[in-house]
Amino acid sequence: MNQEIDRQNIDTLCETKFLSCYDLRHAEGKHYFEASRRKKEDLVVRKTDAEFQEMLPDAVTIAVVLHLPGNETRLLMSYEYRYPVGQFLLSPVAGLLDPEDRQSDSPLVNAAVREIREETGLTVKESDRVSILNPCAFSTPGMTDESNAFLCAEITLENLDDLNQDGAVGTELFDGFELLDRKRAERIFRTGRDDHGNFYSLAAWMVLSIFLSNF
């Protein structure tokens, strides 16, 4: 039996401003449910092969690496409240692409620079480096088409005076930073727990691995 879905035979089950649920019917009486941030006309499943290969992700996740005085290098992460688990989790800088990002010459870099400024107070300078490591990776394609690009931003600072979390918007809620050296990052990476013994997201695990791989 052909298990591929009819790309045009998609029903909207629930539609809200931020998230919708769709029924991807793949056979008579067979249903596959998907949650997506996208509107029906922009669902990934409806894209042609060419459109799929050129699509922009929903969000960016950034490994922010700070080069500090004294030849110190640190991975900058924060504690952000994650509503589905009801906890402050060790988290990388991340966020959705805004319409303005999508219209820029470099949407992923533009979004990364903006998110770094909003979530850390730091301004990426021309002398700093922002690299795209993965342009589009799907989070959990068994239930959603949500995707993230992964980037690395290397920022040189003379001090930490500008570091702040005052730029939180919407539902964002932060509770301080962590500046991880390689030893602490490796321990958190290998144990799957932060210094408080708590679990963290797969995106955080990926950012730790980027830092430990010497990017």
N, C-alpha and C. Protein backbone atom coordinates (compact mmCIF):
# COMPACT_ATOMS: atom_id res chain seq x y z
N MET A 1 0.84 -1.20 0.00
CA MET A 1 0.00 0.00 0.00
C MET A 1 0.88 1.25 0.00
N ASN A 2 0.51 2.21 -0.82
CA ASN A 2 1.26 3.47 -0.87
C ASN A 2 0.97 4.28 0.39
N GLN A 3 2.03 4.54 1.18
CA GLN A 3 1.86 5.27 2.43
C GLN A 3 2.13 6.76 2.30
N GLU A 4 2.52 7.22 1.10
CA GLU A 4 2.77 8.64 0.92
C GLU A 4 1.46 9.41 0.91
N ILE A 5 1.49 10.61 1.45
CA ILE A 5 0.26 11.38 1.54
C ILE A 5 -0.04 12.10 0.23
N ASP A 6 -1.28 12.43 0.05
CA ASP A 6 -1.71 13.29 -1.04
C ASP A 6 -1.43 14.72 -0.59
N ARG A 7 -0.48 15.38 -1.23
CA ARG A 7 -0.03 16.69 -0.77
C ARG A 7 -1.13 17.75 -0.81
N GLN A 8 -2.16 17.51 -1.58
CA GLN A 8 -3.25 18.48 -1.65
C GLN A 8 -4.42 18.10 -0.74
N ASN A 9 -4.40 16.88 -0.24
CA ASN A 9 -5.51 16.38 0.57
C ASN A 9 -5.18 16.54 2.05
N ILE A 10 -5.12 17.78 2.50
CA ILE A 10 -4.71 18.10 3.86
C ILE A 10 -5.83 18.91 4.52
N ASP A 11 -6.27 18.45 5.67
CA ASP A 11 -7.34 19.13 6.39
C ASP A 11 -6.76 19.91 7.58
N THR A 12 -7.28 21.08 7.80
CA THR A 12 -6.92 21.87 8.98
C THR A 12 -7.83 21.48 10.14
N LEU A 13 -7.24 20.97 11.21
CA LEU A 13 -8.02 20.55 12.37
C LEU A 13 -8.17 21.66 13.39
N CYS A 14 -7.10 22.43 13.55
CA CYS A 14 -7.10 23.53 14.52
C CYS A 14 -6.13 24.58 14.02
N GLU A 15 -6.55 25.83 14.04
CA GLU A 15 -5.68 26.91 13.55
C GLU A 15 -5.71 28.06 14.54
N THR A 16 -4.54 28.42 15.04
CA THR A 16 -4.42 29.57 15.93
C THR A 16 -3.33 30.49 15.38
N LYS A 17 -3.09 31.58 16.08
CA LYS A 17 -2.10 32.56 15.61
C LYS A 17 -0.70 31.97 15.58
N PHE A 18 -0.38 31.11 16.56
CA PHE A 18 0.99 30.64 16.70
C PHE A 18 1.21 29.19 16.31
N LEU A 19 0.17 28.38 16.33
CA LEU A 19 0.35 26.95 16.07
C LEU A 19 -0.95 26.37 15.51
N SER A 20 -0.78 25.45 14.54
CA SER A 20 -1.94 24.80 13.94
C SER A 20 -1.72 23.29 13.89
N CYS A 21 -2.82 22.57 13.73
CA CYS A 21 -2.75 21.12 13.62
C CYS A 21 -3.43 20.69 12.33
N TYR A 22 -2.77 19.80 11.59
CA TYR A 22 -3.27 19.37 10.29
C TYR A 22 -3.39 17.84 10.24
N ASP A 23 -4.31 17.37 9.39
CA ASP A 23 -4.52 15.95 9.15
C ASP A 23 -3.94 15.62 7.78
N LEU A 24 -2.85 14.88 7.77
CA LEU A 24 -2.20 14.46 6.52
C LEU A 24 -2.71 13.05 6.18
N ARG A 25 -3.77 12.96 5.40
CA ARG A 25 -4.34 11.65 5.08
C ARG A 25 -3.48 10.95 4.04
N HIS A 26 -3.07 9.71 4.35
CA HIS A 26 -2.18 8.98 3.43
C HIS A 26 -2.83 7.76 2.83
N ALA A 27 -4.06 7.44 3.26
CA ALA A 27 -4.84 6.35 2.68
C ALA A 27 -6.26 6.48 3.18
N GLU A 28 -7.19 5.76 2.58
CA GLU A 28 -8.58 5.82 2.99
C GLU A 28 -8.71 5.45 4.46
N GLY A 29 -9.23 6.39 5.25
CA GLY A 29 -9.41 6.13 6.67
C GLY A 29 -8.13 6.19 7.49
N LYS A 30 -7.02 6.58 6.86
CA LYS A 30 -5.74 6.66 7.56
C LYS A 30 -5.35 8.11 7.75
N HIS A 31 -4.94 8.45 8.97
CA HIS A 31 -4.66 9.84 9.29
C HIS A 31 -3.29 9.97 9.95
N TYR A 32 -2.60 11.06 9.62
CA TYR A 32 -1.32 11.39 10.24
C TYR A 32 -1.40 12.85 10.66
N PHE A 33 -1.23 13.10 11.93
CA PHE A 33 -1.45 14.44 12.45
C PHE A 33 -0.13 15.20 12.60
N GLU A 34 -0.17 16.46 12.23
CA GLU A 34 1.03 17.31 12.27
C GLU A 34 0.73 18.62 12.96
N ALA A 35 1.64 19.03 13.83
CA ALA A 35 1.60 20.36 14.42
C ALA A 35 2.62 21.23 13.71
N SER A 36 2.25 22.46 13.40
CA SER A 36 3.14 23.32 12.64
C SER A 36 2.90 24.78 12.98
N ARG A 37 3.97 25.56 12.90
CA ARG A 37 3.85 27.02 13.02
C ARG A 37 3.35 27.63 11.71
N ARG A 38 3.40 26.86 10.64
CA ARG A 38 3.13 27.38 9.30
C ARG A 38 1.65 27.33 8.95
N LYS A 39 1.26 28.26 8.10
CA LYS A 39 -0.08 28.23 7.55
C LYS A 39 -0.16 27.13 6.50
N LYS A 40 -1.36 26.72 6.19
CA LYS A 40 -1.57 25.57 5.32
C LYS A 40 -0.84 25.70 3.99
N GLU A 41 -0.89 26.87 3.39
CA GLU A 41 -0.28 27.07 2.08
C GLU A 41 1.25 27.02 2.11
N ASP A 42 1.84 27.13 3.31
CA ASP A 42 3.30 27.14 3.42
C ASP A 42 3.85 25.89 4.11
N LEU A 43 3.02 24.88 4.31
CA LEU A 43 3.50 23.65 4.93
C LEU A 43 4.63 23.04 4.12
N VAL A 44 5.61 22.49 4.80
CA VAL A 44 6.75 21.88 4.11
C VAL A 44 6.29 20.73 3.22
N VAL A 45 5.30 19.97 3.68
CA VAL A 45 4.84 18.80 2.92
C VAL A 45 4.27 19.18 1.56
N ARG A 46 3.88 20.41 1.39
CA ARG A 46 3.28 20.85 0.12
C ARG A 46 4.30 21.39 -0.86
N LYS A 47 5.55 21.47 -0.45
CA LYS A 47 6.58 22.06 -1.31
C LYS A 47 7.06 21.07 -2.37
N THR A 48 7.43 21.60 -3.52
CA THR A 48 8.08 20.78 -4.54
C THR A 48 9.50 20.45 -4.09
N ASP A 49 10.17 19.55 -4.78
CA ASP A 49 11.54 19.22 -4.42
C ASP A 49 12.43 20.46 -4.45
N ALA A 50 12.26 21.30 -5.47
CA ALA A 50 13.08 22.51 -5.59
C ALA A 50 12.78 23.48 -4.45
N GLU A 51 11.51 23.65 -4.11
CA GLU A 51 11.14 24.54 -3.01
C GLU A 51 11.65 24.01 -1.68
N PHE A 52 11.57 22.70 -1.52
CA PHE A 52 12.04 22.07 -0.28
C PHE A 52 13.53 22.34 -0.07
N GLN A 53 14.30 22.23 -1.12
CA GLN A 53 15.76 22.39 -1.01
C GLN A 53 16.19 23.83 -0.82
N GLU A 54 15.30 24.77 -1.09
CA GLU A 54 15.63 26.19 -0.96
C GLU A 54 14.91 26.85 0.21
N MET A 55 14.11 26.09 0.98
CA MET A 55 13.29 26.70 2.02
C MET A 55 14.13 27.26 3.16
N LEU A 56 13.59 28.28 3.81
CA LEU A 56 14.20 28.82 5.01
C LEU A 56 13.62 28.08 6.23
N PRO A 57 14.41 27.92 7.27
CA PRO A 57 13.90 27.28 8.48
C PRO A 57 12.97 28.22 9.24
N ASP A 58 12.34 27.67 10.26
CA ASP A 58 11.47 28.50 11.09
C ASP A 58 12.27 29.36 12.06
N ALA A 59 13.45 28.86 12.45
CA ALA A 59 14.18 29.53 13.53
C ALA A 59 15.68 29.34 13.38
N VAL A 60 16.42 30.07 14.18
CA VAL A 60 17.88 29.91 14.26
C VAL A 60 18.27 29.57 15.69
N THR A 61 19.28 28.73 15.83
CA THR A 61 19.89 28.43 17.12
C THR A 61 21.38 28.73 16.98
N ILE A 62 21.93 29.45 17.96
CA ILE A 62 23.30 29.96 17.80
C ILE A 62 24.19 29.54 18.95
N ALA A 63 25.34 28.98 18.61
CA ALA A 63 26.40 28.76 19.59
C ALA A 63 27.18 30.07 19.69
N VAL A 64 26.97 30.78 20.79
CA VAL A 64 27.64 32.08 20.99
C VAL A 64 28.92 31.84 21.77
N VAL A 65 30.04 32.01 21.09
CA VAL A 65 31.36 31.77 21.69
C VAL A 65 32.03 33.11 21.95
N LEU A 66 32.37 33.35 23.21
CA LEU A 66 32.98 34.62 23.60
C LEU A 66 34.48 34.46 23.75
N HIS A 67 35.22 35.35 23.10
CA HIS A 67 36.68 35.43 23.28
C HIS A 67 36.94 36.59 24.23
N LEU A 68 37.43 36.28 25.42
CA LEU A 68 37.55 37.25 26.50
C LEU A 68 39.01 37.57 26.79
N PRO A 69 39.27 38.65 27.55
CA PRO A 69 40.66 38.98 27.92
C PRO A 69 41.31 37.81 28.65
N GLY A 70 42.64 37.71 28.52
CA GLY A 70 43.37 36.62 29.15
C GLY A 70 43.29 35.34 28.35
N ASN A 71 42.90 35.45 27.08
CA ASN A 71 42.82 34.29 26.19
C ASN A 71 41.79 33.27 26.67
N GLU A 72 40.76 33.74 27.35
CA GLU A 72 39.69 32.85 27.79
C GLU A 72 38.62 32.75 26.72
N THR A 73 38.13 31.55 26.51
CA THR A 73 37.03 31.32 25.57
C THR A 73 35.89 30.66 26.33
N ARG A 74 34.69 31.19 26.17
CA ARG A 74 33.54 30.67 26.89
C ARG A 74 32.35 30.51 25.95
N LEU A 75 31.56 29.47 26.22
CA LEU A 75 30.28 29.30 25.54
C LEU A 75 29.21 30.00 26.36
N LEU A 76 28.50 30.92 25.74
CA LEU A 76 27.47 31.69 26.44
C LEU A 76 26.11 31.00 26.29
N MET A 77 25.54 30.60 27.41
CA MET A 77 24.20 30.04 27.43
C MET A 77 23.40 30.73 28.54
N SER A 78 22.12 30.49 28.58
CA SER A 78 21.28 31.14 29.58
C SER A 78 20.30 30.12 30.15
N TYR A 79 19.62 30.54 31.20
CA TYR A 79 18.50 29.76 31.72
C TYR A 79 17.21 30.44 31.27
N GLU A 80 16.46 29.72 30.46
CA GLU A 80 15.21 30.25 29.92
C GLU A 80 14.05 29.36 30.33
N TYR A 81 12.95 29.99 30.73
CA TYR A 81 11.78 29.22 31.15
C TYR A 81 11.12 28.59 29.94
N ARG A 82 10.93 27.27 29.99
CA ARG A 82 10.31 26.54 28.91
C ARG A 82 8.94 26.05 29.39
N TYR A 83 7.91 26.64 28.83
CA TYR A 83 6.56 26.42 29.33
C TYR A 83 6.10 24.96 29.29
N PRO A 84 6.38 24.19 28.22
CA PRO A 84 5.88 22.81 28.20
C PRO A 84 6.44 21.91 29.30
N VAL A 85 7.61 22.26 29.85
CA VAL A 85 8.17 21.45 30.94
C VAL A 85 8.13 22.17 32.28
N GLY A 86 7.76 23.45 32.28
CA GLY A 86 7.59 24.18 33.52
C GLY A 86 8.88 24.39 34.29
N GLN A 87 9.99 24.53 33.58
CA GLN A 87 11.29 24.65 34.23
C GLN A 87 12.15 25.68 33.49
N PHE A 88 13.10 26.28 34.22
CA PHE A 88 14.16 27.04 33.57
C PHE A 88 15.21 26.04 33.08
N LEU A 89 15.41 25.98 31.78
CA LEU A 89 16.36 25.03 31.21
C LEU A 89 17.58 25.75 30.66
N LEU A 90 18.73 25.11 30.77
CA LEU A 90 19.94 25.62 30.13
C LEU A 90 19.71 25.69 28.63
N SER A 91 19.85 26.87 28.06
CA SER A 91 19.40 27.09 26.69
C SER A 91 20.39 27.93 25.89
N PRO A 92 20.50 27.66 24.59
CA PRO A 92 21.30 28.52 23.72
C PRO A 92 20.49 29.73 23.28
N VAL A 93 21.16 30.69 22.69
CA VAL A 93 20.46 31.82 22.05
C VAL A 93 19.72 31.26 20.83
N ALA A 94 18.45 31.58 20.72
CA ALA A 94 17.65 31.04 19.63
C ALA A 94 16.40 31.88 19.45
N GLY A 95 15.78 31.76 18.26
CA GLY A 95 14.54 32.47 18.04
C GLY A 95 14.04 32.30 16.62
N LEU A 96 12.78 32.64 16.43
CA LEU A 96 12.15 32.52 15.13
C LEU A 96 12.66 33.59 14.16
N LEU A 97 12.63 33.26 12.87
CA LEU A 97 12.93 34.26 11.85
C LEU A 97 11.77 35.24 11.77
N ASP A 98 12.08 36.52 11.79
CA ASP A 98 11.08 37.56 11.60
C ASP A 98 10.90 37.83 10.11
N PRO A 99 9.78 38.43 9.71
CA PRO A 99 9.60 38.78 8.29
C PRO A 99 10.74 39.62 7.75
N GLU A 100 11.28 40.54 8.58
CA GLU A 100 12.38 41.38 8.14
C GLU A 100 13.64 40.55 7.87
N ASP A 101 13.85 39.50 8.67
CA ASP A 101 14.99 38.62 8.44
C ASP A 101 14.88 37.94 7.08
N ARG A 102 13.69 37.45 6.77
CA ARG A 102 13.47 36.71 5.53
C ARG A 102 13.70 37.58 4.29
N GLN A 103 13.50 38.88 4.43
CA GLN A 103 13.66 39.79 3.30
C GLN A 103 15.07 40.34 3.16
N SER A 104 15.95 39.99 4.10
CA SER A 104 17.32 40.51 4.05
C SER A 104 18.19 39.67 3.12
N ASP A 105 19.38 40.15 2.84
CA ASP A 105 20.30 39.44 1.95
C ASP A 105 20.80 38.15 2.56
N SER A 106 20.89 38.09 3.89
CA SER A 106 21.34 36.90 4.58
C SER A 106 20.40 36.63 5.75
N PRO A 107 19.26 35.98 5.48
CA PRO A 107 18.21 35.83 6.51
C PRO A 107 18.69 35.16 7.79
N LEU A 108 19.51 34.11 7.68
CA LEU A 108 19.91 33.36 8.87
C LEU A 108 20.87 34.18 9.73
N VAL A 109 21.84 34.82 9.11
CA VAL A 109 22.79 35.64 9.85
C VAL A 109 22.07 36.84 10.45
N ASN A 110 21.18 37.44 9.69
CA ASN A 110 20.43 38.60 10.18
C ASN A 110 19.62 38.22 11.42
N ALA A 111 18.97 37.08 11.38
CA ALA A 111 18.18 36.63 12.52
C ALA A 111 19.07 36.32 13.72
N ALA A 112 20.22 35.70 13.45
CA ALA A 112 21.14 35.36 14.55
C ALA A 112 21.67 36.61 15.24
N VAL A 113 22.07 37.60 14.47
CA VAL A 113 22.60 38.84 15.04
C VAL A 113 21.52 39.54 15.87
N ARG A 114 20.29 39.55 15.36
CA ARG A 114 19.18 40.17 16.09
C ARG A 114 18.88 39.42 17.39
N GLU A 115 18.85 38.10 17.34
CA GLU A 115 18.55 37.31 18.54
C GLU A 115 19.65 37.47 19.59
N ILE A 116 20.90 37.54 19.16
CA ILE A 116 22.00 37.76 20.10
C ILE A 116 21.83 39.10 20.81
N ARG A 117 21.48 40.12 20.07
CA ARG A 117 21.28 41.44 20.67
C ARG A 117 20.11 41.43 21.65
N GLU A 118 18.99 40.78 21.26
CA GLU A 118 17.81 40.77 22.11
C GLU A 118 18.01 39.96 23.38
N GLU A 119 18.67 38.81 23.26
CA GLU A 119 18.75 37.89 24.40
C GLU A 119 19.99 38.06 25.27
N THR A 120 21.00 38.76 24.75
CA THR A 120 22.24 38.92 25.53
C THR A 120 22.67 40.37 25.70
N GLY A 121 22.12 41.28 24.91
CA GLY A 121 22.55 42.67 24.96
C GLY A 121 23.81 42.94 24.16
N LEU A 122 24.40 41.92 23.56
CA LEU A 122 25.65 42.08 22.82
C LEU A 122 25.39 42.44 21.37
N THR A 123 26.20 43.34 20.84
CA THR A 123 26.14 43.73 19.44
C THR A 123 27.27 43.05 18.68
N VAL A 124 26.92 42.31 17.65
CA VAL A 124 27.93 41.65 16.82
C VAL A 124 28.62 42.69 15.96
N LYS A 125 29.93 42.75 16.08
CA LYS A 125 30.72 43.75 15.35
C LYS A 125 31.18 43.18 14.00
N GLU A 126 31.61 44.07 13.13
CA GLU A 126 32.12 43.63 11.82
C GLU A 126 33.33 42.72 11.97
N SER A 127 34.11 42.92 13.03
CA SER A 127 35.30 42.10 13.26
C SER A 127 34.96 40.72 13.83
N ASP A 128 33.72 40.53 14.29
CA ASP A 128 33.29 39.23 14.80
C ASP A 128 32.90 38.32 13.62
N ARG A 129 32.70 37.06 13.91
CA ARG A 129 32.39 36.11 12.85
C ARG A 129 31.13 35.34 13.17
N VAL A 130 30.21 35.29 12.19
CA VAL A 130 28.99 34.49 12.31
C VAL A 130 28.97 33.50 11.15
N SER A 131 28.94 32.22 11.47
CA SER A 131 29.01 31.18 10.46
C SER A 131 27.76 30.31 10.50
N ILE A 132 27.27 29.95 9.32
CA ILE A 132 26.15 29.02 9.22
C ILE A 132 26.71 27.60 9.19
N LEU A 133 26.34 26.80 10.17
CA LEU A 133 26.84 25.43 10.26
C LEU A 133 25.87 24.43 9.64
N ASN A 134 24.59 24.68 9.78
CA ASN A 134 23.56 23.82 9.18
C ASN A 134 22.38 24.71 8.83
N PRO A 135 22.03 24.82 7.54
CA PRO A 135 21.01 25.78 7.13
C PRO A 135 19.58 25.40 7.48
N CYS A 136 19.31 24.11 7.74
CA CYS A 136 17.94 23.71 8.04
C CYS A 136 17.91 22.28 8.55
N ALA A 137 17.62 22.11 9.82
CA ALA A 137 17.52 20.78 10.42
C ALA A 137 16.16 20.65 11.08
N PHE A 138 15.46 19.55 10.81
CA PHE A 138 14.13 19.35 11.37
C PHE A 138 14.22 18.88 12.81
N SER A 139 13.34 19.41 13.64
CA SER A 139 13.38 19.11 15.07
C SER A 139 12.90 17.68 15.34
N THR A 140 11.62 17.43 15.14
CA THR A 140 11.06 16.09 15.33
C THR A 140 10.07 15.85 14.19
N PRO A 141 10.54 15.44 13.01
CA PRO A 141 9.66 15.34 11.84
C PRO A 141 8.62 14.23 11.95
N GLY A 142 8.56 13.53 13.08
CA GLY A 142 7.48 12.58 13.29
C GLY A 142 6.20 13.25 13.74
N MET A 143 6.29 14.52 14.18
CA MET A 143 5.08 15.20 14.65
C MET A 143 4.98 16.65 14.20
N THR A 144 6.05 17.22 13.66
CA THR A 144 6.02 18.62 13.24
C THR A 144 7.03 18.84 12.13
N ASP A 145 6.80 19.89 11.33
CA ASP A 145 7.76 20.26 10.29
C ASP A 145 8.67 21.39 10.76
N GLU A 146 8.64 21.69 12.06
CA GLU A 146 9.47 22.80 12.57
C GLU A 146 10.95 22.52 12.32
N SER A 147 11.67 23.56 11.97
CA SER A 147 13.09 23.41 11.63
C SER A 147 13.91 24.56 12.18
N ASN A 148 15.19 24.27 12.39
CA ASN A 148 16.15 25.24 12.91
C ASN A 148 17.40 25.25 12.04
N ALA A 149 17.96 26.43 11.85
CA ALA A 149 19.33 26.54 11.34
C ALA A 149 20.25 26.64 12.54
N PHE A 150 21.44 26.06 12.43
CA PHE A 150 22.43 26.17 13.51
C PHE A 150 23.58 27.03 13.02
N LEU A 151 23.93 28.02 13.85
CA LEU A 151 25.02 28.94 13.52
C LEU A 151 25.98 29.04 14.69
N CYS A 152 27.17 29.55 14.40
CA CYS A 152 28.14 29.84 15.44
C CYS A 152 28.55 31.31 15.32
N ALA A 153 28.48 32.03 16.42
CA ALA A 153 28.90 33.43 16.46
C ALA A 153 30.08 33.56 17.39
N GLU A 154 31.22 33.98 16.88
CA GLU A 154 32.42 34.22 17.69
C GLU A 154 32.54 35.72 17.93
N ILE A 155 32.44 36.11 19.19
CA ILE A 155 32.41 37.52 19.56
C ILE A 155 33.57 37.82 20.51
N THR A 156 34.34 38.82 20.18
CA THR A 156 35.45 39.24 21.03
C THR A 156 35.01 40.40 21.92
N LEU A 157 35.23 40.24 23.23
CA LEU A 157 34.81 41.27 24.18
C LEU A 157 35.98 41.69 25.07
N GLU A 158 35.99 42.95 25.45
CA GLU A 158 36.97 43.44 26.41
C GLU A 158 36.47 43.22 27.84
N ASN A 159 35.15 43.17 28.01
CA ASN A 159 34.54 42.93 29.32
C ASN A 159 33.11 42.45 29.10
N LEU A 160 32.41 42.17 30.18
CA LEU A 160 31.04 41.67 30.11
C LEU A 160 30.01 42.72 30.49
N ASP A 161 30.40 43.98 30.44
CA ASP A 161 29.53 45.06 30.92
C ASP A 161 28.20 45.13 30.17
N ASP A 162 28.20 44.79 28.89
CA ASP A 162 26.99 44.93 28.08
C ASP A 162 26.07 43.71 28.16
N LEU A 163 26.51 42.68 28.85
CA LEU A 163 25.73 41.44 28.91
C LEU A 163 24.49 41.64 29.79
N ASN A 164 23.32 41.45 29.20
CA ASN A 164 22.07 41.60 29.96
C ASN A 164 20.95 40.84 29.26
N GLN A 165 19.85 40.67 29.97
CA GLN A 165 18.68 39.97 29.43
C GLN A 165 17.46 40.88 29.40
N ASP A 166 17.71 42.16 29.21
CA ASP A 166 16.62 43.14 29.21
C ASP A 166 15.79 43.12 27.94
N GLY A 167 16.29 42.45 26.90
CA GLY A 167 15.60 42.47 25.61
C GLY A 167 14.58 41.38 25.43
N ALA A 168 14.22 40.68 26.50
CA ALA A 168 13.23 39.61 26.39
C ALA A 168 11.91 40.16 25.85
N VAL A 169 11.31 39.42 24.91
CA VAL A 169 10.06 39.86 24.29
C VAL A 169 9.01 38.75 24.42
N GLY A 170 7.75 39.15 24.37
CA GLY A 170 6.66 38.18 24.38
C GLY A 170 6.68 37.32 25.64
N THR A 171 6.68 36.01 25.43
CA THR A 171 6.64 35.06 26.55
C THR A 171 8.02 34.71 27.08
N GLU A 172 9.07 35.32 26.52
CA GLU A 172 10.43 34.98 26.95
C GLU A 172 10.65 35.38 28.41
N LEU A 173 11.25 34.45 29.16
CA LEU A 173 11.54 34.69 30.56
C LEU A 173 12.88 34.05 30.88
N PHE A 174 13.86 34.87 31.30
CA PHE A 174 15.22 34.40 31.53
C PHE A 174 15.60 34.50 33.01
N ASP A 175 16.59 33.70 33.39
CA ASP A 175 17.06 33.71 34.77
C ASP A 175 18.58 33.55 34.83
N GLY A 176 19.27 34.46 34.13
CA GLY A 176 20.73 34.48 34.23
C GLY A 176 21.46 33.72 33.14
N PHE A 177 22.77 33.98 33.08
CA PHE A 177 23.65 33.39 32.08
C PHE A 177 24.53 32.31 32.68
N GLU A 178 25.06 31.48 31.80
CA GLU A 178 26.16 30.57 32.12
C GLU A 178 27.26 30.80 31.10
N LEU A 179 28.49 31.01 31.58
CA LEU A 179 29.64 31.12 30.70
C LEU A 179 30.49 29.87 30.93
N LEU A 180 30.39 28.95 30.01
CA LEU A 180 30.97 27.62 30.19
C LEU A 180 32.35 27.53 29.58
N ASP A 181 33.31 27.07 30.38
CA ASP A 181 34.59 26.72 29.80
C ASP A 181 34.49 25.30 29.25
N ARG A 182 35.54 24.83 28.64
CA ARG A 182 35.47 23.53 27.98
C ARG A 182 35.20 22.40 28.97
N LYS A 183 35.79 22.46 30.17
CA LYS A 183 35.61 21.39 31.15
C LYS A 183 34.16 21.27 31.58
N ARG A 184 33.54 22.41 31.93
CA ARG A 184 32.13 22.38 32.35
C ARG A 184 31.22 21.97 31.20
N ALA A 185 31.50 22.49 30.01
CA ALA A 185 30.68 22.15 28.86
C ALA A 185 30.73 20.66 28.57
N GLU A 186 31.92 20.09 28.70
CA GLU A 186 32.07 18.65 28.43
C GLU A 186 31.32 17.82 29.47
N ARG A 187 31.36 18.23 30.72
CA ARG A 187 30.63 17.49 31.76
C ARG A 187 29.13 17.55 31.51
N ILE A 188 28.62 18.70 31.16
CA ILE A 188 27.19 18.84 30.90
C ILE A 188 26.80 18.05 29.65
N PHE A 189 27.66 18.08 28.65
CA PHE A 189 27.41 17.36 27.41
C PHE A 189 27.36 15.85 27.65
N ARG A 190 28.29 15.34 28.42
CA ARG A 190 28.40 13.88 28.62
C ARG A 190 27.34 13.34 29.58
N THR A 191 26.94 14.13 30.55
CA THR A 191 25.96 13.64 31.53
C THR A 191 24.52 13.87 31.11
N GLY A 192 24.31 14.83 30.19
CA GLY A 192 22.94 15.17 29.81
C GLY A 192 22.20 15.98 30.85
N ARG A 193 22.94 16.53 31.82
CA ARG A 193 22.35 17.34 32.89
C ARG A 193 23.17 18.60 33.10
N ASP A 194 22.49 19.68 33.49
CA ASP A 194 23.22 20.91 33.79
C ASP A 194 23.82 20.82 35.20
N ASP A 195 24.39 21.91 35.66
CA ASP A 195 25.05 21.88 36.97
C ASP A 195 24.06 21.75 38.13
N HIS A 196 22.75 21.90 37.85
CA HIS A 196 21.73 21.70 38.87
C HIS A 196 21.15 20.29 38.82
N GLY A 197 21.66 19.48 37.90
CA GLY A 197 21.15 18.12 37.76
C GLY A 197 19.94 17.99 36.86
N ASN A 198 19.59 19.08 36.15
CA ASN A 198 18.40 19.07 35.31
C ASN A 198 18.73 18.74 33.86
N PHE A 199 17.75 18.15 33.16
CA PHE A 199 17.89 17.86 31.74
C PHE A 199 17.79 19.16 30.93
N TYR A 200 18.09 19.08 29.64
CA TYR A 200 18.00 20.25 28.77
C TYR A 200 17.60 19.80 27.37
N SER A 201 17.47 20.74 26.46
CA SER A 201 16.94 20.45 25.14
C SER A 201 18.00 19.86 24.21
N LEU A 202 17.51 19.22 23.14
CA LEU A 202 18.41 18.69 22.13
C LEU A 202 19.21 19.80 21.45
N ALA A 203 18.57 20.98 21.28
CA ALA A 203 19.28 22.12 20.70
C ALA A 203 20.44 22.55 21.58
N ALA A 204 20.25 22.52 22.90
CA ALA A 204 21.34 22.86 23.82
C ALA A 204 22.47 21.83 23.69
N TRP A 205 22.11 20.57 23.57
CA TRP A 205 23.11 19.50 23.42
C TRP A 205 23.92 19.71 22.14
N MET A 206 23.25 20.13 21.07
CA MET A 206 23.94 20.38 19.81
C MET A 206 24.90 21.56 19.93
N VAL A 207 24.48 22.62 20.60
CA VAL A 207 25.34 23.79 20.77
C VAL A 207 26.56 23.44 21.62
N LEU A 208 26.37 22.63 22.64
CA LEU A 208 27.51 22.15 23.43
C LEU A 208 28.48 21.37 22.55
N SER A 209 27.95 20.53 21.67
CA SER A 209 28.82 19.72 20.80
C SER A 209 29.57 20.60 19.81
N ILE A 210 28.93 21.67 19.34
CA ILE A 210 29.61 22.61 18.44
C ILE A 210 30.80 23.25 19.14
N PHE A 211 30.58 23.70 20.37
CA PHE A 211 31.64 24.32 21.14
C PHE A 211 32.79 23.34 21.41
N LEU A 212 32.44 22.12 21.76
CA LEU A 212 33.47 21.13 22.10
C LEU A 212 34.21 20.61 20.87
N SER A 213 33.64 20.78 19.69
CA SER A 213 34.30 20.33 18.47
C SER A 213 35.27 21.38 17.93
N ASN A 214 35.41 22.48 18.67
CA ASN A 214 36.27 23.60 18.28
C ASN A 214 35.75 24.32 17.06
N PHE A 215 34.44 24.08 16.77
CA PHE A 215 33.72 24.77 15.69
C PHE A 215 34.63 25.07 14.51
